[in-house]
Amino acid sequence: MAKKIKYKIGKNVLTRVDNEHEAMVINASDSGDCYEITGPAVRAWVLLTKGTAVENIVSTIAKKYDQPEKQVEKEVLAFIKKMAKYKLLELK
């Protein structure tokens, strides 16, 4: 099970969703940097913006994409770490 991670969305982070193509653009307005994410990462980001617990994000994505929770947990944790590196997410 995913370890307890506390997080919040970075300040001045804007998102734009393209539901038709399962894609999203995340803009860090402080730096002007833009990042595009697709597929399961979109679902993860949307759940993160709602304050969903990491273990619930993992189970939701695992069910939706019919993938093993252990693998999804690894990928979700890596995604969170990457978003924190880009200052789109702040780990508490």
Foldseek 3Di string as FASTA:
>chain_A
DADWWDKAFFPQWDKDADVVQQKMWIANVVVRDIDMDGDLVSQLVVCVNVVHTLLVSLVVSCVVVVHDSVVSSVVSVVSQVVCVVVRRMPTD
